[in-house]
């Protein structure tokens, strides 16, 4: 709570249907502003930070501590690649 993370809307939308739908609803307002701020509740800061890291770098480190948080966030944000990676990690 109270943390800021920065990411490009286009990249978030490419990886997450949640963000795609969120930004489509704000399309008219978005076109007039360079930066938009969204308050997203119900997510662990670390999970969102790792998701953004994955979107930009294409990888992140899965650990016993981070997988449950990432798994839940990826499910809620509908990010299939991260959800599958966490599922595979949990099955090992």
PDB file of N, CA and C in Angstrom:
ATOM      1  N   UNK A   1       0.839  -1.170   0.000  1.00  0.00           N
ATOM      2  CA  UNK A   1       0.000   0.000   0.000  1.00  0.00           C
ATOM      3  C   UNK A   1       0.885   1.234   0.000  1.00  0.00           C
ATOM      4  N   UNK A   2       0.535   2.203  -0.836  1.00  0.00           N
ATOM      5  CA  UNK A   2       1.287   3.435  -0.893  1.00  0.00           C
ATOM      6  C   UNK A   2       2.537   3.368  -1.743  1.00  0.00           C
ATOM      7  N   UNK A   3       2.703   2.309  -2.515  1.00  0.00           N
ATOM      8  CA  UNK A   3       3.875   2.166  -3.377  1.00  0.00           C
ATOM      9  C   UNK A   3       3.513   2.583  -4.795  1.00  0.00           C
ATOM     10  N   UNK A   4       4.500   3.112  -5.517  1.00  0.00           N
ATOM     11  CA  UNK A   4       4.297   3.451  -6.918  1.00  0.00           C
ATOM     12  C   UNK A   4       5.162   2.561  -7.784  1.00  0.00           C
ATOM     13  N   UNK A   5       4.586   2.098  -8.875  1.00  0.00           N
ATOM     14  CA  UNK A   5       5.309   1.335  -9.886  1.00  0.00           C
ATOM     15  C   UNK A   5       4.997   1.973 -11.228  1.00  0.00           C
ATOM     16  N   UNK A   6       5.977   1.970 -12.108  1.00  0.00           N
ATOM     17  CA  UNK A   6       5.802   2.595 -13.409  1.00  0.00           C
ATOM     18  C   UNK A   6       5.950   1.558 -14.511  1.00  0.00           C
ATOM     19  N   UNK A   7       5.058   1.635 -15.495  1.00  0.00           N
ATOM     20  CA  UNK A   7       5.122   0.724 -16.638  1.00  0.00           C
ATOM     21  C   UNK A   7       4.325   1.337 -17.785  1.00  0.00           C
ATOM     22  N   UNK A   8       4.667   0.941 -18.977  1.00  0.00           N
ATOM     23  CA  UNK A   8       3.954   1.403 -20.160  1.00  0.00           C
ATOM     24  C   UNK A   8       2.641   0.636 -20.309  1.00  0.00           C
ATOM     25  N   UNK A   9       1.595   1.367 -20.598  1.00  0.00           N
ATOM     26  CA  UNK A   9       0.279   0.743 -20.777  1.00  0.00           C
ATOM     27  C   UNK A   9       0.298  -0.315 -21.871  1.00  0.00           C
ATOM     28  N   UNK A  10       1.003  -0.048 -22.958  1.00  0.00           N
ATOM     29  CA  UNK A  10       1.033  -0.997 -24.079  1.00  0.00           C
ATOM     30  C   UNK A  10       1.637  -2.328 -23.652  1.00  0.00           C
ATOM     31  N   UNK A  11       2.716  -2.282 -22.887  1.00  0.00           N
ATOM     32  CA  UNK A  11       3.348  -3.523 -22.433  1.00  0.00           C
ATOM     33  C   UNK A  11       2.456  -4.276 -21.452  1.00  0.00           C
ATOM     34  N   UNK A  12       1.865  -3.572 -20.533  1.00  0.00           N
ATOM     35  CA  UNK A  12       0.961  -4.227 -19.582  1.00  0.00           C
ATOM     36  C   UNK A  12      -0.209  -4.881 -20.316  1.00  0.00           C
ATOM     37  N   UNK A  13      -0.747  -4.183 -21.297  1.00  0.00           N
ATOM     38  CA  UNK A  13      -1.886  -4.702 -22.055  1.00  0.00           C
ATOM     39  C   UNK A  13      -1.533  -5.929 -22.877  1.00  0.00           C
ATOM     40  N   UNK A  14      -0.311  -5.986 -23.380  1.00  0.00           N
ATOM     41  CA  UNK A  14       0.128  -7.147 -24.174  1.00  0.00           C
ATOM     42  C   UNK A  14       0.207  -8.414 -23.334  1.00  0.00           C
ATOM     43  N   UNK A  15       0.488  -8.267 -22.061  1.00  0.00           N
ATOM     44  CA  UNK A  15       0.697  -9.422 -21.190  1.00  0.00           C
ATOM     45  C   UNK A  15      -0.498  -9.751 -20.304  1.00  0.00           C
ATOM     46  N   UNK A  16      -1.406  -8.808 -20.133  1.00  0.00           N
ATOM     47  CA  UNK A  16      -2.487  -8.992 -19.168  1.00  0.00           C
ATOM     48  C   UNK A  16      -3.825  -8.542 -19.742  1.00  0.00           C
ATOM     49  N   UNK A  17      -4.776  -9.466 -19.797  1.00  0.00           N
ATOM     50  CA  UNK A  17      -6.126  -9.101 -20.239  1.00  0.00           C
ATOM     51  C   UNK A  17      -6.799  -8.154 -19.247  1.00  0.00           C
ATOM     52  N   UNK A  18      -6.442  -8.260 -17.985  1.00  0.00           N
ATOM     53  CA  UNK A  18      -6.972  -7.352 -16.964  1.00  0.00           C
ATOM     54  C   UNK A  18      -6.616  -5.905 -17.319  1.00  0.00           C
ATOM     55  N   UNK A  19      -5.325  -5.671 -17.601  1.00  0.00           N
ATOM     56  CA  UNK A  19      -4.891  -4.314 -17.937  1.00  0.00           C
ATOM     57  C   UNK A  19      -5.438  -3.879 -19.294  1.00  0.00           C
ATOM     58  N   UNK A  20      -5.519  -4.795 -20.237  1.00  0.00           N
ATOM     59  CA  UNK A  20      -6.081  -4.464 -21.546  1.00  0.00           C
ATOM     60  C   UNK A  20      -7.495  -3.918 -21.391  1.00  0.00           C
ATOM     61  N   UNK A  21      -8.321  -4.598 -20.628  1.00  0.00           N
ATOM     62  CA  UNK A  21      -9.697  -4.144 -20.409  1.00  0.00           C
ATOM     63  C   UNK A  21      -9.742  -2.837 -19.618  1.00  0.00           C
ATOM     64  N   UNK A  22      -8.879  -2.714 -18.620  1.00  0.00           N
ATOM     65  CA  UNK A  22      -8.827  -1.489 -17.820  1.00  0.00           C
ATOM     66  C   UNK A  22      -8.497  -0.282 -18.691  1.00  0.00           C
ATOM     67  N   UNK A  23      -7.490  -0.430 -19.542  1.00  0.00           N
ATOM     68  CA  UNK A  23      -7.058   0.696 -20.362  1.00  0.00           C
ATOM     69  C   UNK A  23      -8.016   0.973 -21.518  1.00  0.00           C
ATOM     70  N   UNK A  24      -8.696  -0.030 -22.027  1.00  0.00           N
ATOM     71  CA  UNK A  24      -9.672   0.198 -23.092  1.00  0.00           C
ATOM     72  C   UNK A  24     -10.828   1.055 -22.598  1.00  0.00           C
ATOM     73  N   UNK A  25     -11.225   0.861 -21.350  1.00  0.00           N
ATOM     74  CA  UNK A  25     -12.318   1.662 -20.791  1.00  0.00           C
ATOM     75  C   UNK A  25     -11.913   3.119 -20.602  1.00  0.00           C
ATOM     76  N   UNK A  26     -10.626   3.362 -20.456  1.00  0.00           N
ATOM     77  CA  UNK A  26     -10.125   4.725 -20.251  1.00  0.00           C
ATOM     78  C   UNK A  26      -9.507   5.302 -21.517  1.00  0.00           C
ATOM     79  N   UNK A  27      -9.787   4.721 -22.673  1.00  0.00           N
ATOM     80  CA  UNK A  27      -9.102   5.092 -23.910  1.00  0.00           C
ATOM     81  C   UNK A  27      -9.202   6.578 -24.234  1.00  0.00           C
ATOM     82  N   UNK A  28     -10.374   7.178 -24.132  1.00  0.00           N
ATOM     83  CA  UNK A  28     -10.530   8.590 -24.481  1.00  0.00           C
ATOM     84  C   UNK A  28      -9.734   9.495 -23.556  1.00  0.00           C
ATOM     85  N   UNK A  29      -9.782   9.219 -22.274  1.00  0.00           N
ATOM     86  CA  UNK A  29      -9.038  10.027 -21.309  1.00  0.00           C
ATOM     87  C   UNK A  29      -7.541   9.800 -21.460  1.00  0.00           C
ATOM     88  N   UNK A  30      -7.146   8.578 -21.762  1.00  0.00           N
ATOM     89  CA  UNK A  30      -5.743   8.225 -21.885  1.00  0.00           C
ATOM     90  C   UNK A  30      -5.085   8.971 -23.034  1.00  0.00           C
ATOM     91  N   UNK A  31      -5.804   9.190 -24.105  1.00  0.00           N
ATOM     92  CA  UNK A  31      -5.227   9.846 -25.273  1.00  0.00           C
ATOM     93  C   UNK A  31      -4.838  11.289 -24.993  1.00  0.00           C
ATOM     94  N   UNK A  32      -5.441  11.912 -24.000  1.00  0.00           N
ATOM     95  CA  UNK A  32      -5.145  13.308 -23.709  1.00  0.00           C
ATOM     96  C   UNK A  32      -4.068  13.478 -22.648  1.00  0.00           C
ATOM     97  N   UNK A  33      -3.645  12.396 -22.007  1.00  0.00           N
ATOM     98  CA  UNK A  33      -2.653  12.489 -20.936  1.00  0.00           C
ATOM     99  C   UNK A  33      -1.469  11.583 -21.235  1.00  0.00           C
ATOM    100  N   UNK A  34      -0.273  12.085 -20.943  1.00  0.00           N
ATOM    101  CA  UNK A  34       0.917  11.256 -21.146  1.00  0.00           C
ATOM    102  C   UNK A  34       1.039  10.201 -20.060  1.00  0.00           C
ATOM    103  N   UNK A  35       0.769  10.572 -18.824  1.00  0.00           N
ATOM    104  CA  UNK A  35       0.862   9.624 -17.721  1.00  0.00           C
ATOM    105  C   UNK A  35      -0.491   9.501 -17.042  1.00  0.00           C
ATOM    106  N   UNK A  36      -0.819   8.253 -16.737  1.00  0.00           N
ATOM    107  CA  UNK A  36      -2.040   7.975 -15.997  1.00  0.00           C
ATOM    108  C   UNK A  36      -1.639   7.265 -14.713  1.00  0.00           C
ATOM    109  N   UNK A  37      -2.383   7.506 -13.669  1.00  0.00           N
ATOM    110  CA  UNK A  37      -2.136   6.850 -12.393  1.00  0.00           C
ATOM    111  C   UNK A  37      -3.352   5.998 -12.042  1.00  0.00           C
ATOM    112  N   UNK A  38      -3.080   4.767 -11.665  1.00  0.00           N
ATOM    113  CA  UNK A  38      -4.138   3.847 -11.270  1.00  0.00           C
ATOM    114  C   UNK A  38      -3.818   3.313  -9.881  1.00  0.00           C
ATOM    115  N   UNK A  39      -4.808   3.277  -9.044  1.00  0.00           N
ATOM    116  CA  UNK A  39      -4.649   2.652  -7.738  1.00  0.00           C
ATOM    117  C   UNK A  39      -5.190   1.239  -7.849  1.00  0.00           C
ATOM    118  N   UNK A  40      -4.317   0.286  -7.596  1.00  0.00           N
ATOM    119  CA  UNK A  40      -4.697  -1.118  -7.704  1.00  0.00           C
ATOM    120  C   UNK A  40      -4.599  -1.727  -6.319  1.00  0.00           C
ATOM    121  N   UNK A  41      -5.727  -2.095  -5.765  1.00  0.00           N
ATOM    122  CA  UNK A  41      -5.769  -2.665  -4.421  1.00  0.00           C
ATOM    123  C   UNK A  41      -5.846  -4.186  -4.484  1.00  0.00           C
ATOM    124  N   UNK A  42      -5.426  -4.817  -3.408  1.00  0.00           N
ATOM    125  CA  UNK A  42      -5.571  -6.262  -3.296  1.00  0.00           C
ATOM    126  C   UNK A  42      -4.410  -7.060  -3.845  1.00  0.00           C
ATOM    127  N   UNK A  43      -3.312  -6.396  -4.163  1.00  0.00           N
ATOM    128  CA  UNK A  43      -2.136  -7.081  -4.691  1.00  0.00           C
ATOM    129  C   UNK A  43      -0.923  -6.773  -3.829  1.00  0.00           C
ATOM    130  N   UNK A  44      -0.077  -7.760  -3.659  1.00  0.00           N
ATOM    131  CA  UNK A  44       1.185  -7.559  -2.944  1.00  0.00           C
ATOM    132  C   UNK A  44       2.114  -6.716  -3.814  1.00  0.00           C
ATOM    133  N   UNK A  45       2.755  -5.730  -3.201  1.00  0.00           N
ATOM    134  CA  UNK A  45       3.687  -4.874  -3.932  1.00  0.00           C
ATOM    135  C   UNK A  45       4.787  -5.702  -4.594  1.00  0.00           C
ATOM    136  N   UNK A  46       5.340  -6.661  -3.866  1.00  0.00           N
ATOM    137  CA  UNK A  46       6.412  -7.494  -4.409  1.00  0.00           C
ATOM    138  C   UNK A  46       5.945  -8.252  -5.648  1.00  0.00           C
ATOM    139  N   UNK A  47       4.742  -8.783  -5.621  1.00  0.00           N
ATOM    140  CA  UNK A  47       4.216  -9.527  -6.769  1.00  0.00           C
ATOM    141  C   UNK A  47       4.091  -8.616  -7.989  1.00  0.00           C
ATOM    142  N   UNK A  48       3.543  -7.430  -7.809  1.00  0.00           N
ATOM    143  CA  UNK A  48       3.410  -6.497  -8.930  1.00  0.00           C
ATOM    144  C   UNK A  48       4.774  -6.066  -9.454  1.00  0.00           C
ATOM    145  N   UNK A  49       5.703  -5.855  -8.548  1.00  0.00           N
ATOM    146  CA  UNK A  49       7.057  -5.467  -8.954  1.00  0.00           C
ATOM    147  C   UNK A  49       7.706  -6.573  -9.793  1.00  0.00           C
ATOM    148  N   UNK A  50       7.561  -7.818  -9.377  1.00  0.00           N
ATOM    149  CA  UNK A  50       8.128  -8.941 -10.125  1.00  0.00           C
ATOM    150  C   UNK A  50       7.424  -9.141 -11.464  1.00  0.00           C
ATOM    151  N   UNK A  51       6.141  -8.899 -11.506  1.00  0.00           N
ATOM    152  CA  UNK A  51       5.402  -9.005 -12.765  1.00  0.00           C
ATOM    153  C   UNK A  51       5.896  -7.958 -13.758  1.00  0.00           C
ATOM    154  N   UNK A  52       6.079  -6.740 -13.304  1.00  0.00           N
ATOM    155  CA  UNK A  52       6.597  -5.691 -14.185  1.00  0.00           C
ATOM    156  C   UNK A  52       8.016  -6.025 -14.625  1.00  0.00           C
ATOM    157  N   UNK A  53       8.804  -6.562 -13.715  1.00  0.00           N
ATOM    158  CA  UNK A  53      10.159  -7.000 -14.070  1.00  0.00           C
ATOM    159  C   UNK A  53      10.100  -8.047 -15.182  1.00  0.00           C
ATOM    160  N   UNK A  54       9.197  -9.005 -15.059  1.00  0.00           N
ATOM    161  CA  UNK A  54       9.049 -10.032 -16.086  1.00  0.00           C
ATOM    162  C   UNK A  54       8.640  -9.420 -17.425  1.00  0.00           C
ATOM    163  N   UNK A  55       7.705  -8.491 -17.391  1.00  0.00           N
ATOM    164  CA  UNK A  55       7.224  -7.866 -18.622  1.00  0.00           C
ATOM    165  C   UNK A  55       8.356  -7.145 -19.345  1.00  0.00           C
ATOM    166  N   UNK A  56       9.231  -6.490 -18.615  1.00  0.00           N
ATOM    167  CA  UNK A  56      10.323  -5.742 -19.240  1.00  0.00           C
ATOM    168  C   UNK A  56      11.544  -6.606 -19.550  1.00  0.00           C
ATOM    169  N   UNK A  57      11.870  -7.540 -18.691  1.00  0.00           N
ATOM    170  CA  UNK A  57      13.100  -8.334 -18.860  1.00  0.00           C
ATOM    171  C   UNK A  57      12.865  -9.723 -19.441  1.00  0.00           C
ATOM    172  N   UNK A  58      11.660 -10.225 -19.299  1.00  0.00           N
ATOM    173  CA  UNK A  58      11.361 -11.559 -19.793  1.00  0.00           C
ATOM    174  C   UNK A  58      11.692 -12.666 -18.812  1.00  0.00           C
ATOM    175  N   UNK A  59      12.096 -12.295 -17.601  1.00  0.00           N
ATOM    176  CA  UNK A  59      12.410 -13.317 -16.598  1.00  0.00           C
ATOM    177  C   UNK A  59      12.311 -12.732 -15.194  1.00  0.00           C
ATOM    178  N   UNK A  60      12.241 -13.622 -14.225  1.00  0.00           N
ATOM    179  CA  UNK A  60      12.291 -13.264 -12.811  1.00  0.00           C
ATOM    180  C   UNK A  60      12.615 -14.524 -12.043  1.00  0.00           C
ATOM    181  N   UNK A  61      12.989 -14.364 -10.809  1.00  0.00           N
ATOM    182  CA  UNK A  61      13.378 -15.496  -9.976  1.00  0.00           C
ATOM    183  C   UNK A  61      12.176 -15.972  -9.167  1.00  0.00           C
ATOM    184  N   UNK A  62      11.870 -17.262  -9.318  1.00  0.00           N
ATOM    185  CA  UNK A  62      10.803 -17.861  -8.523  1.00  0.00           C
ATOM    186  C   UNK A  62      11.404 -18.477  -7.268  1.00  0.00           C
ATOM    187  N   UNK A  63      10.808 -18.185  -6.128  1.00  0.00           N
ATOM    188  CA  UNK A  63      11.241 -18.763  -4.859  1.00  0.00           C
ATOM    189  C   UNK A  63      10.003 -19.235  -4.100  1.00  0.00           C
ATOM    190  N   UNK A  64      10.232 -20.017  -3.063  1.00  0.00           N
ATOM    191  CA  UNK A  64       9.106 -20.467  -2.235  1.00  0.00           C
ATOM    192  C   UNK A  64       8.331 -19.292  -1.649  1.00  0.00           C
ATOM    193  N   UNK A  65       9.029 -18.194  -1.398  1.00  0.00           N
ATOM    194  CA  UNK A  65       8.386 -17.012  -0.823  1.00  0.00           C
ATOM    195  C   UNK A  65       7.548 -16.256  -1.861  1.00  0.00           C
ATOM    196  N   UNK A  66       8.055 -16.149  -3.097  1.00  0.00           N
ATOM    197  CA  UNK A  66       7.377 -15.315  -4.090  1.00  0.00           C
ATOM    198  C   UNK A  66       6.304 -16.038  -4.897  1.00  0.00           C
ATOM    199  N   UNK A  67       6.429 -17.350  -5.053  1.00  0.00           N
ATOM    200  CA  UNK A  67       5.497 -18.076  -5.929  1.00  0.00           C
ATOM    201  C   UNK A  67       4.033 -17.927  -5.508  1.00  0.00           C
ATOM    202  N   UNK A  68       3.669 -18.108  -4.240  1.00  0.00           N
ATOM    203  CA  UNK A  68       2.241 -17.957  -3.893  1.00  0.00           C
ATOM    204  C   UNK A  68       1.688 -16.566  -4.222  1.00  0.00           C
ATOM    205  N   UNK A  69       2.485 -15.531  -3.979  1.00  0.00           N
ATOM    206  CA  UNK A  69       2.046 -14.163  -4.267  1.00  0.00           C
ATOM    207  C   UNK A  69       1.916 -13.935  -5.766  1.00  0.00           C
ATOM    208  N   UNK A  70       2.904 -14.419  -6.514  1.00  0.00           N
ATOM    209  CA  UNK A  70       2.871 -14.274  -7.967  1.00  0.00           C
ATOM    210  C   UNK A  70       1.737 -15.078  -8.589  1.00  0.00           C
ATOM    211  N   UNK A  71       1.544 -16.278  -8.093  1.00  0.00           N
ATOM    212  CA  UNK A  71       0.493 -17.164  -8.603  1.00  0.00           C
ATOM    213  C   UNK A  71      -0.872 -16.483  -8.494  1.00  0.00           C
ATOM    214  N   UNK A  72      -1.152 -15.943  -7.321  1.00  0.00           N
ATOM    215  CA  UNK A  72      -2.430 -15.274  -7.091  1.00  0.00           C
ATOM    216  C   UNK A  72      -2.569 -14.020  -7.959  1.00  0.00           C
ATOM    217  N   UNK A  73      -1.530 -13.202  -7.996  1.00  0.00           N
ATOM    218  CA  UNK A  73      -1.581 -11.972  -8.792  1.00  0.00           C
ATOM    219  C   UNK A  73      -1.714 -12.287 -10.278  1.00  0.00           C
ATOM    220  N   UNK A  74      -0.969 -13.278 -10.761  1.00  0.00           N
ATOM    221  CA  UNK A  74      -1.042 -13.648 -12.178  1.00  0.00           C
ATOM    222  C   UNK A  74      -2.431 -14.169 -12.531  1.00  0.00           C
ATOM    223  N   UNK A  75      -3.034 -14.916 -11.629  1.00  0.00           N
ATOM    224  CA  UNK A  75      -4.399 -15.406 -11.855  1.00  0.00           C
ATOM    225  C   UNK A  75      -5.373 -14.233 -11.937  1.00  0.00           C
ATOM    226  N   UNK A  76      -5.283 -13.310 -10.990  1.00  0.00           N
ATOM    227  CA  UNK A  76      -6.208 -12.179 -10.943  1.00  0.00           C
ATOM    228  C   UNK A  76      -6.000 -11.217 -12.116  1.00  0.00           C
ATOM    229  N   UNK A  77      -4.741 -11.042 -12.520  1.00  0.00           N
ATOM    230  CA  UNK A  77      -4.433 -10.131 -13.624  1.00  0.00           C
ATOM    231  C   UNK A  77      -4.497 -10.818 -14.983  1.00  0.00           C
ATOM    232  N   UNK A  78      -4.740 -12.130 -14.956  1.00  0.00           N
ATOM    233  CA  UNK A  78      -4.851 -12.941 -16.178  1.00  0.00           C
ATOM    234  C   UNK A  78      -3.586 -12.850 -17.028  1.00  0.00           C
ATOM    235  N   UNK A  79      -2.456 -13.178 -16.382  1.00  0.00           N
ATOM    236  CA  UNK A  79      -1.164 -13.228 -17.066  1.00  0.00           C
ATOM    237  C   UNK A  79      -0.776 -14.694 -17.168  1.00  0.00           C
ATOM    238  N   UNK A  80      -1.087 -15.283 -18.296  1.00  0.00           N
ATOM    239  CA  UNK A  80      -0.969 -16.726 -18.500  1.00  0.00           C
ATOM    240  C   UNK A  80       0.455 -17.249 -18.309  1.00  0.00           C
ATOM    241  N   UNK A  81       1.456 -16.556 -18.853  1.00  0.00           N
ATOM    242  CA  UNK A  81       2.833 -17.067 -18.772  1.00  0.00           C
ATOM    243  C   UNK A  81       3.323 -17.170 -17.331  1.00  0.00           C
ATOM    244  N   UNK A  82       3.037 -16.174 -16.535  1.00  0.00           N
ATOM    245  CA  UNK A  82       3.479 -16.196 -15.140  1.00  0.00           C
ATOM    246  C   UNK A  82       2.668 -17.222 -14.353  1.00  0.00           C
ATOM    247  N   UNK A  83       1.382 -17.298 -14.617  1.00  0.00           N
ATOM    248  CA  UNK A  83       0.532 -18.273 -13.944  1.00  0.00           C
ATOM    249  C   UNK A  83       1.033 -19.693 -14.213  1.00  0.00           C
ATOM    250  N   UNK A  84       1.363 -19.992 -15.461  1.00  0.00           N
ATOM    251  CA  UNK A  84       1.867 -21.326 -15.813  1.00  0.00           C
ATOM    252  C   UNK A  84       3.229 -21.596 -15.183  1.00  0.00           C
ATOM    253  N   UNK A  85       4.101 -20.587 -15.174  1.00  0.00           N
ATOM    254  CA  UNK A  85       5.426 -20.760 -14.564  1.00  0.00           C
ATOM    255  C   UNK A  85       5.291 -21.078 -13.078  1.00  0.00           C
ATOM    256  N   UNK A  86       4.401 -20.383 -12.398  1.00  0.00           N
ATOM    257  CA  UNK A  86       4.174 -20.642 -10.972  1.00  0.00           C
ATOM    258  C   UNK A  86       3.551 -22.019 -10.760  1.00  0.00           C
ATOM    259  N   UNK A  87       2.618 -22.393 -11.614  1.00  0.00           N
ATOM    260  CA  UNK A  87       1.994 -23.719 -11.517  1.00  0.00           C
ATOM    261  C   UNK A  87       3.033 -24.813 -11.677  1.00  0.00           C
ATOM    262  N   UNK A  88       3.903 -24.664 -12.664  1.00  0.00           N
ATOM    263  CA  UNK A  88       4.966 -25.651 -12.889  1.00  0.00           C
ATOM    264  C   UNK A  88       5.910 -25.725 -11.699  1.00  0.00           C
ATOM    265  N   UNK A  89       6.249 -24.578 -11.133  1.00  0.00           N
ATOM    266  CA  UNK A  89       7.138 -24.531  -9.968  1.00  0.00           C
ATOM    267  C   UNK A  89       6.506 -25.273  -8.790  1.00  0.00           C
ATOM    268  N   UNK A  90       5.216 -25.066  -8.584  1.00  0.00           N
ATOM    269  CA  UNK A  90       4.522 -25.713  -7.469  1.00  0.00           C
ATOM    270  C   UNK A  90       4.388 -27.221  -7.670  1.00  0.00           C
ATOM    271  N   UNK A  91       4.346 -27.663  -8.916  1.00  0.00           N
ATOM    272  CA  UNK A  91       4.214 -29.097  -9.211  1.00  0.00           C
ATOM    273  C   UNK A  91       5.539 -29.847  -9.105  1.00  0.00           C
ATOM    274  N   UNK A  92       6.642 -29.129  -9.102  1.00  0.00           N
ATOM    275  CA  UNK A  92       7.959 -29.783  -9.036  1.00  0.00           C
ATOM    276  C   UNK A  92       8.254 -30.319  -7.660  1.00  0.00           C
TER     277      UNK A  92
END
